[in-house]
Protein backbone atom coordinates (compact mmCIF):
# COMPACT_ATOMS: atom_id res chain seq x y z
CA MET A 1 -11.88 -10.16 -3.18
CA ASN A 2 -11.16 -9.41 -6.78
CA ILE A 3 -8.43 -6.97 -7.81
CA ARG A 4 -8.55 -6.35 -11.52
CA ARG A 5 -5.11 -6.52 -13.12
CA SER A 6 -6.36 -4.85 -16.31
CA MET A 7 -6.85 -1.57 -14.50
CA THR A 8 -4.62 1.14 -15.97
CA ALA A 9 -3.02 4.00 -14.12
CA SER A 10 -5.27 6.46 -15.94
CA GLY A 11 -8.28 4.54 -14.59
CA LEU A 12 -7.17 5.33 -11.05
CA VAL A 13 -7.31 9.08 -11.54
CA SER A 14 -10.55 10.97 -11.13
CA GLY A 15 -11.27 14.38 -9.69
CA SER A 16 -8.97 17.28 -8.99
CA VAL A 17 -7.39 15.79 -5.84
CA LEU A 18 -6.39 12.59 -7.58
CA THR A 19 -5.25 14.52 -10.64
CA ALA A 20 -2.90 16.57 -8.46
CA ALA A 21 -1.68 13.37 -6.80
CA TRP A 22 -1.15 11.79 -10.22
CA ILE A 23 1.01 14.73 -11.30
CA ALA A 24 3.05 14.48 -8.10
CA ALA A 25 3.38 10.72 -8.51
CA THR A 26 4.50 11.11 -12.13
CA ARG A 27 7.31 13.32 -10.95
CA LEU A 28 8.33 10.67 -8.41
CA LEU A 29 8.55 8.03 -11.14
CA SER A 30 11.51 9.84 -12.68
CA VAL A 31 13.63 9.14 -9.58
CA SER A 32 15.74 5.99 -9.62
CA PRO A 33 14.18 2.97 -7.89
CA SER A 34 15.29 1.77 -4.48
CA ALA A 35 13.47 -1.54 -4.27
CA VAL A 36 15.29 -4.83 -4.50
CA ARG A 37 13.94 -6.68 -7.50
CA ALA A 38 15.09 -10.24 -7.20
CA GLY A 39 15.96 -11.77 -10.54
CA ASP A 40 17.16 -8.54 -12.14
CA PRO A 41 20.45 -9.25 -13.92
CA GLY A 42 23.43 -7.48 -12.44
CA ASP A 43 21.81 -6.62 -9.12
CA PRO A 44 24.09 -8.03 -6.40
CA ARG A 45 21.17 -7.96 -3.95
CA ALA A 46 18.95 -9.99 -6.28
CA THR A 47 18.02 -13.57 -5.63
CA VAL A 48 15.65 -15.83 -7.51
CA ASP A 49 13.24 -17.98 -5.54
CA ALA A 50 14.41 -21.50 -6.40
CA GLY A 51 11.10 -23.00 -5.25
CA ASP A 52 9.15 -21.15 -7.94
CA ALA A 53 8.10 -23.61 -10.61
CA GLY A 54 4.58 -22.49 -11.46
CA GLY A 55 5.39 -20.60 -14.63
CA THR A 56 5.84 -17.29 -12.82
CA SER A 57 8.61 -14.83 -13.54
CA GLY A 58 10.49 -15.47 -10.28
CA LEU A 59 10.85 -11.71 -9.76
CA SER A 60 10.27 -10.07 -6.38
CA VAL A 61 10.14 -6.51 -5.14
CA VAL A 62 10.36 -5.92 -1.40
CA HIS A 63 10.27 -2.63 0.52
CA GLU A 64 10.77 -2.96 4.28
CA GLY A 65 11.18 -0.37 6.99
CA ILE A 66 8.88 2.12 5.27
CA TRP A 67 8.11 5.19 7.35
CA GLU A 68 4.63 6.53 6.50
CA PRO A 69 3.59 9.92 7.89
CA GLN A 70 -0.02 10.90 7.32
CA ILE A 71 -0.29 14.21 5.51
CA ARG A 72 -4.08 14.46 5.43
CA ASN A 73 -6.91 12.46 6.98
CA GLU A 74 -10.57 13.24 6.42
CA GLN A 75 -12.90 11.04 8.46
CA ASN A 76 -16.08 10.77 10.45
CA VAL A 77 -14.83 7.72 12.38
CA ASN A 78 -15.27 7.71 16.13
CA VAL A 79 -11.95 6.02 16.96
CA ALA A 80 -13.02 5.10 20.52
CA ASP A 81 -16.29 3.53 19.32
CA PRO A 82 -16.32 3.10 15.51
CA GLN A 83 -19.73 2.51 13.94
CA VAL A 84 -20.80 0.77 10.73
CA GLY A 85 -20.89 3.20 7.83
CA GLN A 86 -18.23 5.57 9.16
CA ILE A 87 -15.55 6.31 6.55
CA GLY A 88 -12.23 8.01 6.14
CA SER A 89 -9.81 8.94 3.40
CA TYR A 90 -6.10 9.62 3.71
CA TYR A 91 -3.08 10.90 1.88
CA ASP A 92 0.27 9.62 3.20
CA GLU A 93 3.87 10.03 2.13
CA LEU A 94 6.09 6.95 2.03
CA TYR A 95 9.77 7.09 2.91
CA ASP A 96 12.23 4.23 2.50
CA SER A 97 14.53 3.03 5.28
CA SER A 98 17.02 5.80 4.35
CA ARG A 99 14.23 8.38 4.82
CA GLU A 100 14.22 9.23 1.11
CA LEU A 101 10.81 9.88 -0.45
CA LEU A 102 9.56 6.63 -1.96
CA GLY A 103 6.11 7.88 -3.02
CA ILE A 104 2.60 8.62 -1.82
CA THR A 105 -0.48 6.65 -0.84
CA ILE A 106 -4.05 7.71 -1.41
CA GLY A 107 -6.56 5.53 0.40
CA ARG A 108 -10.03 5.10 1.78
CA TYR A 109 -11.47 2.97 4.57
CA GLU A 110 -14.97 2.13 5.72
CA ILE A 111 -16.26 0.44 8.87
CA ARG A 112 -18.46 -2.30 7.37
CA TYR A 113 -19.20 -4.82 10.15
CA LYS A 114 -19.08 -4.65 13.92
CA LYS A 115 -19.33 -7.87 15.86
CA VAL A 116 -20.73 -7.70 19.39
CA GLY A 117 -17.76 -7.61 21.76
CA GLY A 118 -15.38 -8.41 18.91
CA ALA A 119 -13.88 -7.38 15.62
CA VAL A 120 -14.60 -4.12 13.83
CA LEU A 121 -14.16 -5.17 10.20
CA THR A 122 -12.89 -2.32 8.07
CA TYR A 123 -12.33 -2.36 4.31
CA TYR A 124 -9.27 -0.51 3.00
CA SER A 125 -8.59 0.44 -0.63
CA GLU A 126 -5.48 2.35 -1.62
CA ASP A 127 -3.24 3.30 -4.50
CA LEU A 128 0.49 3.66 -3.94
CA PHE A 129 2.23 5.94 -6.44
CA LEU A 130 5.89 5.03 -5.94
CA ARG A 131 8.89 6.48 -7.75
CA ASP A 132 9.37 3.21 -9.64
CA GLY A 133 5.74 2.23 -10.34
CA ILE A 134 2.17 2.01 -9.10
CA ILE A 135 0.57 -0.54 -6.75
CA HIS A 136 -3.08 -1.05 -5.84
CA ALA A 137 -3.93 -2.73 -2.52
CA GLU A 138 -7.24 -3.50 -0.87
CA GLY A 139 -8.72 -5.76 1.75
CA TRP A 140 -10.03 -6.26 5.27
CA ALA A 141 -8.49 -5.33 8.62
CA ASP A 142 -9.85 -5.28 12.15
CA PHE A 143 -9.97 -1.65 13.34
CA ASN A 144 -9.14 -2.92 16.85
CA ASP A 145 -5.85 -4.33 15.50
CA VAL A 146 -5.10 -0.98 13.86
CA LYS A 147 -5.70 0.86 17.16
CA ASN A 148 -3.60 -1.68 19.10
CA GLY A 149 -0.51 -1.56 16.87
CA VAL A 150 -0.92 -5.05 15.36
CA TRP A 151 0.42 -5.58 11.82
CA VAL A 152 -2.48 -5.49 9.35
CA GLY A 153 -2.30 -6.15 5.64
CA TYR A 154 -4.15 -7.05 2.49
CA PRO A 155 -3.45 -8.21 -1.06
CA ALA A 156 -1.63 -5.89 -3.46
CA VAL A 157 -1.09 -5.96 -7.22
CA GLY A 158 1.46 -4.08 -9.32
CA LEU A 159 -0.10 -1.94 -12.03
CA ASP A 160 2.88 -0.15 -13.57
CA GLY A 161 6.66 0.19 -13.55
CA VAL A 162 8.78 -2.48 -11.86
CA TYR A 163 5.66 -3.76 -10.08
CA ARG A 164 3.61 -4.52 -13.20
CA GLY A 165 2.28 -8.09 -13.10
CA LEU A 166 3.47 -8.81 -9.56
CA ASP A 167 1.17 -9.83 -6.69
CA GLY A 168 1.74 -9.75 -2.96
CA ARG A 169 0.88 -7.85 0.20
CA ARG A 170 0.90 -4.38 1.64
CA GLU A 171 1.23 -4.36 5.45
CA TRP A 172 1.43 -1.67 8.10
CA ARG A 173 1.06 -0.99 11.80
CA VAL A 174 0.48 1.98 14.06
CA ILE A 175 3.36 2.47 16.46
CA GLU A 176 1.93 5.52 18.28
CA PRO A 177 -1.41 7.22 17.63
CA ASP A 178 -1.12 10.29 15.38
CA GLN A 179 2.47 9.37 14.44
CA PRO A 180 3.88 7.85 11.21
CA VAL A 181 3.12 4.16 10.74
CA GLU A 182 5.64 1.46 9.92
CA ALA A 183 4.94 -0.33 6.63
CA ARG A 184 6.25 -2.94 4.22
CA ILE A 185 5.39 -4.08 0.70
CA SER A 186 6.26 -7.47 -0.78
CA LEU A 187 5.34 -8.37 -4.38
CA HIS A 188 6.33 -11.46 -6.36
CA GLY A 189 5.93 -12.64 -9.96
């Protein structure tokens, strides 16, 4: 998988739906950040990873306990028996552990491979417009794990704001069908 770091926020926006989401996300960026960014001077919660010696910044941003209700889901996926080629798109809101609006997620998924009696490999691609920056995440998850409440996740890269230049993971799990999912984001420099 190749996530291009040179992608700009304006390159993520196309069409009227994404334009409206971009406007909403821009408004969110004016709110003060809630993430812990390790290595920021003066932040009593900040810690620098002492084992980091590879020329990286040593900065980290971690959001845990994210509550993610789905606002809109357009799909042709047969959840009971997903088939190759079925797709879906979603628009979710993200709330931090204090239930304050953290941002929004716009994503897409596609059932790409179905193994006989086994995994249903699904490719996810999403953009997270958070109040303190923008993150792009994409990768593979087994649709069976999603249905069964197993944590799934894929690589993420910070595009803007406090996340710019950081890499890590975006993870989530279904707790109850048709209810908000639990999520977490961990990025490091």
